[in-house]
Amino acid sequence: MGFVRALERDFERLSQAFRRCNVSSMGCGAGTGSEFLLNRRRTAELMGFSSVLTNTKDAYAFMDFGIEAFTAMSILMTNVDRVATDLLVWYTYEFGFIDFADRYCGTSSIMAQKKNPHGLMYVTENISKLLGRMTGAIVQYRNVSGLGSLKEVGFSFELTARSLRAMSGIMTSMKVKGDRMRQQSTAAWAQSSDLAGAMVSEKGLPWRTAYQIVAILVRQSMEEGKGEHDVTPEMVDRAAIEYSGKPIGLSAQEIKKALDPLECVKARTLIGGPAPDQVKKQIEESRQALLADQQIFEELLGQVKAGETKMAEAERALLS
């Protein structure tokens, strides 16, 4: 859902960039306009533009709308890269959280047993290409004409579209290994801060005191070769006595609940948190946002199609 929310902002940026791109410069000449009585609004209408740039020097000399489109695509692809990077880590043997469909993978040139995630590699490589081209476009934009910066935009749109299609296929066919994730969620004292939280909420300890007691508990347990599954009230009290000189009396049930990853997730019920009810609410909100965004997309696409229709009608009228 975090990825979805970032994509929602990406759509907003792209739709705003489209509106600023979809303004006609036709008739601006070399920045001075023309002595002929050109109907700039009519040409804009026939080409599917929503309006005209109202200063001919601006229409000729400033291409910032192209840079804005580049920037919106670069932010979008950087957000995609964050997810792709997570998936690459989760796919490694050491994590083993997910698996990819064979059609998005390939074999290693040396290690016959190795299944490489070529699809994700393709996406991340495209992101590097796009960021490099955006940097070049910005540098070119400061030149006298600035036209060179726009030559990269079309290629970059296609690069972005191909990457998004690949990422969509990878994620919708991805296998998630829930049992492995659950197993690892209780490793390496991942819920230790929740145990400190239980000391605060159940026993009224200051957070810093609870934090130090848990740190001592973890150190003592590791020295004894024990893990979070082995924690007892006696172990917690021993750590508390070492730090503050007195036990805290946390029960076995309170300890078990604090160290249960599912209970930890359920407890985070704040707005936007990972508790199931909150996540379901976010999903529903994003489904509604998707419907609204699809409508915006159809409206923007309709402007272009309407221009094509008017152009064809104007051509037929002239030919007749």
C-alpha atoms as a PDB file:
ATOM      1  CA  MET A   1       0.000   0.000   0.000  1.00  0.00           C
ATOM      2  CA  GLY A   2       2.955   2.302   0.573  1.00  0.00           C
ATOM      3  CA  PHE A   3       3.953   1.670  -3.046  1.00  0.00           C
ATOM      4  CA  VAL A   4       0.378   2.282  -4.205  1.00  0.00           C
ATOM      5  CA  ARG A   5       0.196   5.628  -2.408  1.00  0.00           C
ATOM      6  CA  ALA A   6       3.449   6.730  -4.041  1.00  0.00           C
ATOM      7  CA  LEU A   7       2.061   5.724  -7.457  1.00  0.00           C
ATOM      8  CA  GLU A   8      -1.067   7.775  -6.799  1.00  0.00           C
ATOM      9  CA  ARG A   9       1.116  10.871  -6.399  1.00  0.00           C
ATOM     10  CA  ASP A  10       3.016   9.880  -9.541  1.00  0.00           C
ATOM     11  CA  PHE A  11      -0.234   9.820 -11.502  1.00  0.00           C
ATOM     12  CA  GLU A  12      -1.120  13.255 -10.131  1.00  0.00           C
ATOM     13  CA  ARG A  13       2.266  14.627 -11.199  1.00  0.00           C
ATOM     14  CA  LEU A  14       1.957  13.104 -14.676  1.00  0.00           C
ATOM     15  CA  SER A  15      -1.582  14.391 -15.201  1.00  0.00           C
ATOM     16  CA  GLN A  16      -0.494  17.892 -14.161  1.00  0.00           C
ATOM     17  CA  ALA A  17       2.516  17.665 -16.482  1.00  0.00           C
ATOM     18  CA  PHE A  18       0.208  16.599 -19.316  1.00  0.00           C
ATOM     19  CA  ARG A  19      -1.954  19.673 -18.811  1.00  0.00           C
ATOM     20  CA  ARG A  20       1.083  21.934 -19.076  1.00  0.00           C
ATOM     21  CA  CYS A  21       2.393  20.009 -22.089  1.00  0.00           C
ATOM     22  CA  ASN A  22      -0.971  20.056 -23.835  1.00  0.00           C
ATOM     23  CA  VAL A  23      -0.741  23.747 -24.761  1.00  0.00           C
ATOM     24  CA  SER A  24      -0.089  24.765 -28.367  1.00  0.00           C
ATOM     25  CA  SER A  25       2.956  26.744 -29.507  1.00  0.00           C
ATOM     26  CA  MET A  26       1.842  26.724 -33.165  1.00  0.00           C
ATOM     27  CA  GLY A  27       2.057  30.168 -34.754  1.00  0.00           C
ATOM     28  CA  CYS A  28       4.804  31.462 -32.499  1.00  0.00           C
ATOM     29  CA  GLY A  29       7.318  31.518 -35.373  1.00  0.00           C
ATOM     30  CA  ALA A  30      10.837  32.247 -34.145  1.00  0.00           C
ATOM     31  CA  GLY A  31       9.460  33.861 -31.027  1.00  0.00           C
ATOM     32  CA  THR A  32       7.977  36.893 -32.754  1.00  0.00           C
ATOM     33  CA  GLY A  33       4.760  35.385 -34.083  1.00  0.00           C
ATOM     34  CA  SER A  34       3.669  36.165 -37.650  1.00  0.00           C
ATOM     35  CA  GLU A  35       2.254  39.046 -39.670  1.00  0.00           C
ATOM     36  CA  PHE A  36      -0.259  36.650 -41.247  1.00  0.00           C
ATOM     37  CA  LEU A  37      -3.646  36.378 -39.591  1.00  0.00           C
ATOM     38  CA  LEU A  38      -3.224  32.892 -38.207  1.00  0.00           C
ATOM     39  CA  ASN A  39      -5.993  31.516 -36.023  1.00  0.00           C
ATOM     40  CA  ARG A  40      -3.895  29.984 -33.266  1.00  0.00           C
ATOM     41  CA  ARG A  41      -6.901  28.796 -31.301  1.00  0.00           C
ATOM     42  CA  ARG A  42      -8.246  26.931 -34.333  1.00  0.00           C
ATOM     43  CA  THR A  43      -4.937  25.168 -35.018  1.00  0.00           C
ATOM     44  CA  ALA A  44      -4.709  24.247 -31.332  1.00  0.00           C
ATOM     45  CA  GLU A  45      -8.224  22.804 -31.463  1.00  0.00           C
ATOM     46  CA  LEU A  46      -7.448  20.707 -34.558  1.00  0.00           C
ATOM     47  CA  MET A  47      -4.253  19.357 -32.999  1.00  0.00           C
ATOM     48  CA  GLY A  48      -6.027  18.311 -29.802  1.00  0.00           C
ATOM     49  CA  PHE A  49      -4.461  20.953 -27.546  1.00  0.00           C
ATOM     50  CA  SER A  50      -6.520  22.352 -24.694  1.00  0.00           C
ATOM     51  CA  SER A  51      -5.306  25.952 -25.175  1.00  0.00           C
ATOM     52  CA  VAL A  52      -2.495  28.087 -26.610  1.00  0.00           C
ATOM     53  CA  LEU A  53       0.610  29.562 -25.063  1.00  0.00           C
ATOM     54  CA  THR A  54      -0.243  33.241 -24.867  1.00  0.00           C
ATOM     55  CA  ASN A  55       3.276  34.623 -25.365  1.00  0.00           C
ATOM     56  CA  THR A  56       5.140  33.810 -28.564  1.00  0.00           C
ATOM     57  CA  LYS A  57       8.591  34.253 -27.002  1.00  0.00           C
ATOM     58  CA  ASP A  58       7.618  31.855 -24.239  1.00  0.00           C
ATOM     59  CA  ALA A  59       6.233  29.403 -26.804  1.00  0.00           C
ATOM     60  CA  TYR A  60       9.492  29.424 -28.756  1.00  0.00           C
ATOM     61  CA  ALA A  61      12.234  29.749 -26.163  1.00  0.00           C
ATOM     62  CA  PHE A  62      11.070  27.898 -23.054  1.00  0.00           C
ATOM     63  CA  MET A  63      10.705  24.131 -23.004  1.00  0.00           C
ATOM     64  CA  ASP A  64      10.246  23.673 -19.265  1.00  0.00           C
ATOM     65  CA  PHE A  65       7.133  21.553 -19.836  1.00  0.00           C
ATOM     66  CA  GLY A  66       9.385  18.885 -21.328  1.00  0.00           C
ATOM     67  CA  ILE A  67      11.713  19.021 -18.338  1.00  0.00           C
ATOM     68  CA  GLU A  68       8.686  18.735 -16.049  1.00  0.00           C
ATOM     69  CA  ALA A  69       7.556  15.597 -17.867  1.00  0.00           C
ATOM     70  CA  PHE A  70      11.070  14.203 -17.502  1.00  0.00           C
ATOM     71  CA  THR A  71      11.043  14.997 -13.805  1.00  0.00           C
ATOM     72  CA  ALA A  72       7.649  13.348 -13.261  1.00  0.00           C
ATOM     73  CA  MET A  73       8.836  10.203 -15.048  1.00  0.00           C
ATOM     74  CA  SER A  74      12.081  10.171 -13.083  1.00  0.00           C
ATOM     75  CA  ILE A  75      10.261  10.398  -9.747  1.00  0.00           C
ATOM     76  CA  LEU A  76       7.883   7.653 -10.878  1.00  0.00           C
ATOM     77  CA  MET A  77      10.737   5.383 -11.921  1.00  0.00           C
ATOM     78  CA  THR A  78      12.654   6.100  -8.710  1.00  0.00           C
ATOM     79  CA  ASN A  79       9.604   4.992  -6.735  1.00  0.00           C
ATOM     80  CA  VAL A  80       9.463   1.832  -8.862  1.00  0.00           C
ATOM     81  CA  ASP A  81      13.173   1.325  -8.179  1.00  0.00           C
ATOM     82  CA  ARG A  82      12.574   1.340  -4.418  1.00  0.00           C
ATOM     83  CA  VAL A  83      10.151  -1.545  -4.777  1.00  0.00           C
ATOM     84  CA  ALA A  84      12.355  -3.372  -7.286  1.00  0.00           C
ATOM     85  CA  THR A  85      15.302  -3.109  -4.906  1.00  0.00           C
ATOM     86  CA  ASP A  86      13.240  -4.570  -2.046  1.00  0.00           C
ATOM     87  CA  LEU A  87      12.111  -7.428  -4.281  1.00  0.00           C
ATOM     88  CA  LEU A  88      15.689  -8.140  -5.378  1.00  0.00           C
ATOM     89  CA  VAL A  89      16.734  -8.462  -1.725  1.00  0.00           C
ATOM     90  CA  TRP A  90      13.679 -10.556  -0.814  1.00  0.00           C
ATOM     91  CA  TYR A  91      14.422 -12.898  -3.739  1.00  0.00           C
ATOM     92  CA  THR A  92      17.944 -13.772  -2.562  1.00  0.00           C
ATOM     93  CA  TYR A  93      18.544 -17.221  -1.094  1.00  0.00           C
ATOM     94  CA  GLU A  94      19.307 -15.691   2.299  1.00  0.00           C
ATOM     95  CA  PHE A  95      15.847 -14.083   2.527  1.00  0.00           C
ATOM     96  CA  GLY A  96      13.801 -16.430   0.342  1.00  0.00           C
ATOM     97  CA  PHE A  97      10.580 -14.448   0.773  1.00  0.00           C
ATOM     98  CA  ILE A  98       9.381 -14.544  -2.855  1.00  0.00           C
ATOM     99  CA  ASP A  99       9.774 -16.325  -6.161  1.00  0.00           C
ATOM    100  CA  PHE A 100       9.259 -15.048  -9.707  1.00  0.00           C
ATOM    101  CA  ALA A 101       7.608 -16.645 -12.706  1.00  0.00           C
ATOM    102  CA  ASP A 102      10.114 -18.311 -15.013  1.00  0.00           C
ATOM    103  CA  ARG A 103       9.213 -15.992 -17.883  1.00  0.00           C
ATOM    104  CA  TYR A 104      10.739 -13.076 -15.949  1.00  0.00           C
ATOM    105  CA  CYS A 105      13.922 -14.948 -15.090  1.00  0.00           C
ATOM    106  CA  GLY A 106      16.980 -16.411 -16.775  1.00  0.00           C
ATOM    107  CA  THR A 107      19.867 -18.690 -15.918  1.00  0.00           C
ATOM    108  CA  SER A 108      23.326 -17.703 -14.817  1.00  0.00           C
ATOM    109  CA  SER A 109      26.069 -17.931 -17.436  1.00  0.00           C
ATOM    110  CA  ILE A 110      28.247 -19.877 -14.963  1.00  0.00           C
ATOM    111  CA  MET A 111      26.078 -21.283 -12.158  1.00  0.00           C
ATOM    112  CA  ALA A 112      23.658 -23.805 -13.641  1.00  0.00           C
ATOM    113  CA  GLN A 113      21.501 -23.918 -10.506  1.00  0.00           C
ATOM    114  CA  LYS A 114      20.954 -20.171 -10.348  1.00  0.00           C
ATOM    115  CA  LYS A 115      17.702 -18.479 -11.404  1.00  0.00           C
ATOM    116  CA  ASN A 116      18.379 -14.812 -12.040  1.00  0.00           C
ATOM    117  CA  PRO A 117      15.564 -12.203 -11.844  1.00  0.00           C
ATOM    118  CA  HIS A 118      16.251 -10.724 -15.291  1.00  0.00           C
ATOM    119  CA  GLY A 119      12.923  -8.869 -15.348  1.00  0.00           C
ATOM    120  CA  LEU A 120      13.799  -6.831 -12.260  1.00  0.00           C
ATOM    121  CA  MET A 121      17.318  -6.291 -13.563  1.00  0.00           C
ATOM    122  CA  TYR A 122      15.809  -4.906 -16.775  1.00  0.00           C
ATOM    123  CA  VAL A 123      13.629  -2.484 -14.818  1.00  0.00           C
ATOM    124  CA  THR A 124      16.439  -1.180 -12.615  1.00  0.00           C
ATOM    125  CA  GLU A 125      18.743  -0.746 -15.616  1.00  0.00           C
ATOM    126  CA  ASN A 126      16.049   1.312 -17.367  1.00  0.00           C
ATOM    127  CA  ILE A 127      15.795   3.534 -14.309  1.00  0.00           C
ATOM    128  CA  SER A 128      19.509   4.277 -14.536  1.00  0.00           C
ATOM    129  CA  LYS A 129      19.144   5.103 -18.228  1.00  0.00           C
ATOM    130  CA  LEU A 130      16.224   7.435 -17.560  1.00  0.00           C
ATOM    131  CA  LEU A 131      17.978   9.345 -14.775  1.00  0.00           C
ATOM    132  CA  GLY A 132      21.041   9.745 -16.986  1.00  0.00           C
ATOM    133  CA  ARG A 133      18.958  11.056 -19.867  1.00  0.00           C
ATOM    134  CA  MET A 134      17.088  13.446 -17.581  1.00  0.00           C
ATOM    135  CA  THR A 135      20.370  14.920 -16.358  1.00  0.00           C
ATOM    136  CA  GLY A 136      21.490  15.355 -19.959  1.00  0.00           C
ATOM    137  CA  ALA A 137      18.188  16.976 -20.914  1.00  0.00           C
ATOM    138  CA  ILE A 138      18.435  19.516 -18.100  1.00  0.00           C
ATOM    139  CA  VAL A 139      21.976  20.407 -19.166  1.00  0.00           C
ATOM    140  CA  GLN A 140      20.879  20.770 -22.811  1.00  0.00           C
ATOM    141  CA  TYR A 141      17.880  22.889 -21.804  1.00  0.00           C
ATOM    142  CA  ARG A 142      20.156  25.675 -20.606  1.00  0.00           C
ATOM    143  CA  ASN A 143      21.630  25.998 -24.120  1.00  0.00           C
ATOM    144  CA  VAL A 144      20.510  28.752 -26.464  1.00  0.00           C
ATOM    145  CA  SER A 145      17.862  26.727 -28.265  1.00  0.00           C
ATOM    146  CA  GLY A 146      17.093  24.145 -25.587  1.00  0.00           C
ATOM    147  CA  LEU A 147      15.536  21.932 -28.263  1.00  0.00           C
ATOM    148  CA  GLY A 148      17.948  19.078 -27.645  1.00  0.00           C
ATOM    149  CA  SER A 149      16.327  18.416 -24.293  1.00  0.00           C
ATOM    150  CA  LEU A 150      13.016  17.479 -25.947  1.00  0.00           C
ATOM    151  CA  LYS A 151      14.545  14.856 -28.224  1.00  0.00           C
ATOM    152  CA  GLU A 152      14.983  12.540 -25.236  1.00  0.00           C
ATOM    153  CA  VAL A 153      11.411  12.809 -23.965  1.00  0.00           C
ATOM    154  CA  GLY A 154       9.746  10.435 -26.416  1.00  0.00           C
ATOM    155  CA  PHE A 155      12.336   7.718 -25.872  1.00  0.00           C
ATOM    156  CA  SER A 156      12.046   8.112 -22.114  1.00  0.00           C
ATOM    157  CA  PHE A 157       8.248   7.813 -22.192  1.00  0.00           C
ATOM    158  CA  GLU A 158       8.576   4.500 -24.014  1.00  0.00           C
ATOM    159  CA  LEU A 159      11.304   3.340 -21.616  1.00  0.00           C
ATOM    160  CA  THR A 160       9.066   4.163 -18.655  1.00  0.00           C
ATOM    161  CA  ALA A 161       6.038   2.440 -20.192  1.00  0.00           C
ATOM    162  CA  ARG A 162       8.010  -0.746 -20.928  1.00  0.00           C
ATOM    163  CA  SER A 163       9.376  -0.792 -17.384  1.00  0.00           C
ATOM    164  CA  LEU A 164       5.918  -0.371 -15.858  1.00  0.00           C
ATOM    165  CA  ARG A 165       4.507  -3.166 -17.997  1.00  0.00           C
ATOM    166  CA  ALA A 166       7.357  -5.439 -16.922  1.00  0.00           C
ATOM    167  CA  MET A 167       6.920  -4.512 -13.265  1.00  0.00           C
ATOM    168  CA  SER A 168       3.187  -5.157 -13.462  1.00  0.00           C
ATOM    169  CA  GLY A 169       3.767  -8.632 -14.867  1.00  0.00           C
ATOM    170  CA  ILE A 170       6.460  -9.431 -12.317  1.00  0.00           C
ATOM    171  CA  MET A 171       4.342  -8.441  -9.326  1.00  0.00           C
ATOM    172  CA  THR A 172       1.062 -10.010 -10.457  1.00  0.00           C
ATOM    173  CA  SER A 173       2.762 -13.369 -11.117  1.00  0.00           C
ATOM    174  CA  MET A 174       5.022 -13.268  -8.056  1.00  0.00           C
ATOM    175  CA  LYS A 175       4.766 -16.044  -5.467  1.00  0.00           C
ATOM    176  CA  VAL A 176       4.926 -14.872  -1.848  1.00  0.00           C
ATOM    177  CA  LYS A 177       6.271 -17.368   0.695  1.00  0.00           C
ATOM    178  CA  GLY A 178       4.185 -16.438   3.721  1.00  0.00           C
ATOM    179  CA  ASP A 179       5.484 -19.219   5.965  1.00  0.00           C
ATOM    180  CA  ARG A 180       9.071 -18.148   5.399  1.00  0.00           C
ATOM    181  CA  MET A 181       8.174 -14.504   6.093  1.00  0.00           C
ATOM    182  CA  ARG A 182       6.406 -15.479   9.315  1.00  0.00           C
ATOM    183  CA  GLN A 183       9.420 -17.525  10.403  1.00  0.00           C
ATOM    184  CA  GLN A 184      11.831 -14.666   9.813  1.00  0.00           C
ATOM    185  CA  SER A 185       9.530 -12.094  11.437  1.00  0.00           C
ATOM    186  CA  THR A 186      10.357 -13.576  14.835  1.00  0.00           C
ATOM    187  CA  ALA A 187      14.110 -13.739  14.270  1.00  0.00           C
ATOM    188  CA  ALA A 188      16.827 -11.364  15.462  1.00  0.00           C
ATOM    189  CA  TRP A 189      14.666  -9.880  18.233  1.00  0.00           C
ATOM    190  CA  ALA A 190      12.520  -8.008  15.720  1.00  0.00           C
ATOM    191  CA  GLN A 191       9.829  -7.347  18.358  1.00  0.00           C
ATOM    192  CA  SER A 192      12.153  -6.177  21.132  1.00  0.00           C
ATOM    193  CA  SER A 193      10.877  -2.599  20.924  1.00  0.00           C
ATOM    194  CA  ASP A 194       7.340  -3.918  21.431  1.00  0.00           C
ATOM    195  CA  LEU A 195       8.509  -5.653  24.581  1.00  0.00           C
ATOM    196  CA  ALA A 196       9.782  -2.290  25.791  1.00  0.00           C
ATOM    197  CA  GLY A 197       6.431  -0.827  24.818  1.00  0.00           C
ATOM    198  CA  ALA A 198       4.665  -3.419  26.985  1.00  0.00           C
ATOM    199  CA  MET A 199       6.781  -2.345  29.955  1.00  0.00           C
ATOM    200  CA  VAL A 200       5.660   1.235  29.351  1.00  0.00           C
ATOM    201  CA  SER A 201       1.958   0.500  28.852  1.00  0.00           C
ATOM    202  CA  GLU A 202       1.572  -2.328  31.410  1.00  0.00           C
ATOM    203  CA  LYS A 203       3.973  -1.205  34.161  1.00  0.00           C
ATOM    204  CA  GLY A 204       4.234   2.536  33.630  1.00  0.00           C
ATOM    205  CA  LEU A 205       7.993   2.584  33.094  1.00  0.00           C
ATOM    206  CA  PRO A 206       9.609   5.516  31.287  1.00  0.00           C
ATOM    207  CA  TRP A 207      10.478   4.580  27.718  1.00  0.00           C
ATOM    208  CA  ARG A 208      14.220   5.079  28.210  1.00  0.00           C
ATOM    209  CA  THR A 209      14.206   2.771  31.246  1.00  0.00           C
ATOM    210  CA  ALA A 210      12.279   0.076  29.355  1.00  0.00           C
ATOM    211  CA  TYR A 211      14.621   0.453  26.401  1.00  0.00           C
ATOM    212  CA  GLN A 212      17.692  -0.147  28.583  1.00  0.00           C
ATOM    213  CA  ILE A 213      16.139  -3.170  30.311  1.00  0.00           C
ATOM    214  CA  VAL A 214      15.348  -4.786  26.963  1.00  0.00           C
ATOM    215  CA  ALA A 215      18.883  -4.076  25.721  1.00  0.00           C
ATOM    216  CA  ILE A 216      20.299  -5.861  28.770  1.00  0.00           C
ATOM    217  CA  LEU A 217      17.828  -8.725  28.308  1.00  0.00           C
ATOM    218  CA  VAL A 218      18.899  -9.237  24.699  1.00  0.00           C
ATOM    219  CA  ARG A 219      22.602  -9.165  25.613  1.00  0.00           C
ATOM    220  CA  GLN A 220      22.160 -11.649  28.459  1.00  0.00           C
ATOM    221  CA  SER A 221      20.037 -13.968  26.301  1.00  0.00           C
ATOM    222  CA  MET A 222      22.516 -13.978  23.435  1.00  0.00           C
ATOM    223  CA  GLU A 223      25.381 -14.716  25.831  1.00  0.00           C
ATOM    224  CA  GLU A 224      23.397 -17.748  27.062  1.00  0.00           C
ATOM    225  CA  GLY A 225      22.537 -18.882  23.548  1.00  0.00           C
ATOM    226  CA  LYS A 226      18.846 -18.096  23.954  1.00  0.00           C
ATOM    227  CA  GLY A 227      16.410 -16.298  21.662  1.00  0.00           C
ATOM    228  CA  GLU A 228      13.193 -14.353  21.938  1.00  0.00           C
ATOM    229  CA  HIS A 229      11.175 -17.575  22.146  1.00  0.00           C
ATOM    230  CA  ASP A 230      12.972 -18.444  25.385  1.00  0.00           C
ATOM    231  CA  VAL A 231      12.179 -15.226  27.281  1.00  0.00           C
ATOM    232  CA  THR A 232      10.586 -15.729  30.693  1.00  0.00           C
ATOM    233  CA  PRO A 233       9.391 -13.295  33.387  1.00  0.00           C
ATOM    234  CA  GLU A 234      12.440 -14.282  35.436  1.00  0.00           C
ATOM    235  CA  MET A 235      14.802 -13.280  32.607  1.00  0.00           C
ATOM    236  CA  VAL A 236      13.076  -9.902  32.254  1.00  0.00           C
ATOM    237  CA  ASP A 237      13.248  -9.283  36.000  1.00  0.00           C
ATOM    238  CA  ARG A 238      16.941 -10.205  36.087  1.00  0.00           C
ATOM    239  CA  ALA A 239      17.658  -7.592  33.399  1.00  0.00           C
ATOM    240  CA  ALA A 240      15.521  -5.047  35.244  1.00  0.00           C
ATOM    241  CA  ILE A 241      17.368  -5.650  38.514  1.00  0.00           C
ATOM    242  CA  GLU A 242      20.721  -5.164  36.790  1.00  0.00           C
ATOM    243  CA  TYR A 243      19.600  -1.764  35.467  1.00  0.00           C
ATOM    244  CA  SER A 244      17.267  -0.361  38.130  1.00  0.00           C
ATOM    245  CA  GLY A 245      17.754  -2.630  41.114  1.00  0.00           C
ATOM    246  CA  LYS A 246      14.190  -3.997  41.165  1.00  0.00           C
ATOM    247  CA  PRO A 247      11.998  -6.405  39.134  1.00  0.00           C
ATOM    248  CA  ILE A 248       9.058  -5.212  37.072  1.00  0.00           C
ATOM    249  CA  GLY A 249       6.796  -8.275  37.212  1.00  0.00           C
ATOM    250  CA  LEU A 250       5.828  -8.601  33.559  1.00  0.00           C
ATOM    251  CA  SER A 251       3.717 -11.772  33.130  1.00  0.00           C
ATOM    252  CA  ALA A 252       4.449 -14.607  30.706  1.00  0.00           C
ATOM    253  CA  GLN A 253       1.270 -13.772  28.775  1.00  0.00           C
ATOM    254  CA  GLU A 254       2.260 -10.113  28.428  1.00  0.00           C
ATOM    255  CA  ILE A 255       5.709 -11.136  27.210  1.00  0.00           C
ATOM    256  CA  LYS A 256       4.277 -13.616  24.697  1.00  0.00           C
ATOM    257  CA  LYS A 257       1.879 -11.033  23.295  1.00  0.00           C
ATOM    258  CA  ALA A 258       4.598  -8.391  23.007  1.00  0.00           C
ATOM    259  CA  LEU A 259       6.863 -10.747  21.073  1.00  0.00           C
ATOM    260  CA  ASP A 260       4.144 -12.055  18.726  1.00  0.00           C
ATOM    261  CA  PRO A 261       4.639 -10.322  15.324  1.00  0.00           C
ATOM    262  CA  LEU A 262       0.946 -10.601  14.423  1.00  0.00           C
ATOM    263  CA  GLU A 263      -0.080  -8.940  17.676  1.00  0.00           C
ATOM    264  CA  CYS A 264       2.489  -6.219  17.043  1.00  0.00           C
ATOM    265  CA  VAL A 265       0.934  -5.502  13.651  1.00  0.00           C
ATOM    266  CA  LYS A 266      -2.610  -5.513  15.058  1.00  0.00           C
ATOM    267  CA  ALA A 267      -1.621  -2.974  17.731  1.00  0.00           C
ATOM    268  CA  ARG A 268      -0.626  -0.335  15.174  1.00  0.00           C
ATOM    269  CA  THR A 269      -4.082   1.080  14.611  1.00  0.00           C
ATOM    270  CA  LEU A 270      -3.084   4.693  14.076  1.00  0.00           C
ATOM    271  CA  ILE A 271      -4.118   6.370  10.808  1.00  0.00           C
ATOM    272  CA  GLY A 272      -2.193   4.772   7.960  1.00  0.00           C
ATOM    273  CA  GLY A 273      -0.768   2.035  10.172  1.00  0.00           C
ATOM    274  CA  PRO A 274      -0.344  -1.646   9.237  1.00  0.00           C
ATOM    275  CA  ALA A 275      -3.197  -2.982  11.398  1.00  0.00           C
ATOM    276  CA  PRO A 276      -5.529  -5.093   9.210  1.00  0.00           C
ATOM    277  CA  ASP A 277      -8.481  -2.725   9.546  1.00  0.00           C
ATOM    278  CA  GLN A 278      -6.322   0.247   8.607  1.00  0.00           C
ATOM    279  CA  VAL A 279      -4.849  -1.557   5.602  1.00  0.00           C
ATOM    280  CA  LYS A 280      -8.315  -2.550   4.393  1.00  0.00           C
ATOM    281  CA  LYS A 281      -9.379   1.071   4.702  1.00  0.00           C
ATOM    282  CA  GLN A 282      -6.350   2.185   2.680  1.00  0.00           C
ATOM    283  CA  ILE A 283      -7.116  -0.406   0.004  1.00  0.00           C
ATOM    284  CA  GLU A 284     -10.681   0.851  -0.352  1.00  0.00           C
ATOM    285  CA  GLU A 285      -9.501   4.478  -0.508  1.00  0.00           C
ATOM    286  CA  SER A 286      -7.021   3.585  -3.227  1.00  0.00           C
ATOM    287  CA  ARG A 287      -9.629   1.687  -5.214  1.00  0.00           C
ATOM    288  CA  GLN A 288     -11.757   4.828  -5.226  1.00  0.00           C
ATOM    289  CA  ALA A 289      -8.716   6.917  -6.196  1.00  0.00           C
ATOM    290  CA  LEU A 290      -8.010   4.506  -9.056  1.00  0.00           C
ATOM    291  CA  LEU A 291     -11.522   4.962 -10.424  1.00  0.00           C
ATOM    292  CA  ALA A 292     -11.127   8.750 -10.248  1.00  0.00           C
ATOM    293  CA  ASP A 293      -7.709   8.592 -11.920  1.00  0.00           C
ATOM    294  CA  GLN A 294      -9.045   6.373 -14.706  1.00  0.00           C
ATOM    295  CA  GLN A 295     -11.735   8.972 -15.361  1.00  0.00           C
ATOM    296  CA  ILE A 296      -9.113  11.755 -15.496  1.00  0.00           C
ATOM    297  CA  PHE A 297      -7.055   9.664 -17.903  1.00  0.00           C
ATOM    298  CA  GLU A 298     -10.042   9.112 -20.194  1.00  0.00           C
ATOM    299  CA  GLU A 299     -10.811  12.849 -20.168  1.00  0.00           C
ATOM    300  CA  LEU A 300      -7.240  13.782 -21.074  1.00  0.00           C
ATOM    301  CA  LEU A 301      -7.081  11.114 -23.764  1.00  0.00           C
ATOM    302  CA  GLY A 302     -10.436  12.325 -25.035  1.00  0.00           C
ATOM    303  CA  GLN A 303      -8.971  15.788 -25.694  1.00  0.00           C
ATOM    304  CA  VAL A 304      -6.428  14.260 -28.056  1.00  0.00           C
ATOM    305  CA  LYS A 305      -8.977  12.021 -29.774  1.00  0.00           C
ATOM    306  CA  ALA A 306     -11.396  14.947 -30.164  1.00  0.00           C
ATOM    307  CA  GLY A 307      -8.671  16.905 -31.939  1.00  0.00           C
ATOM    308  CA  GLU A 308      -8.011  14.020 -34.297  1.00  0.00           C
ATOM    309  CA  THR A 309     -11.728  13.834 -35.116  1.00  0.00           C
ATOM    310  CA  LYS A 310     -11.982  17.576 -35.770  1.00  0.00           C
ATOM    311  CA  MET A 311      -8.847  17.452 -37.920  1.00  0.00           C
ATOM    312  CA  ALA A 312     -10.325  14.669 -40.055  1.00  0.00           C
ATOM    313  CA  GLU A 313     -13.609  16.577 -40.417  1.00  0.00           C
ATOM    314  CA  ALA A 314     -11.758  19.760 -41.414  1.00  0.00           C
ATOM    315  CA  GLU A 315      -9.742  17.844 -44.020  1.00  0.00           C
ATOM    316  CA  ARG A 316     -12.890  16.323 -45.518  1.00  0.00           C
ATOM    317  CA  ALA A 317     -14.532  19.744 -45.652  1.00  0.00           C
ATOM    318  CA  LEU A 318     -11.547  21.203 -47.525  1.00  0.00           C
ATOM    319  CA  LEU A 319     -11.389  18.299 -49.953  1.00  0.00           C
ATOM    320  CA  SER A 320     -15.073  18.593 -50.787  1.00  0.00           C
END
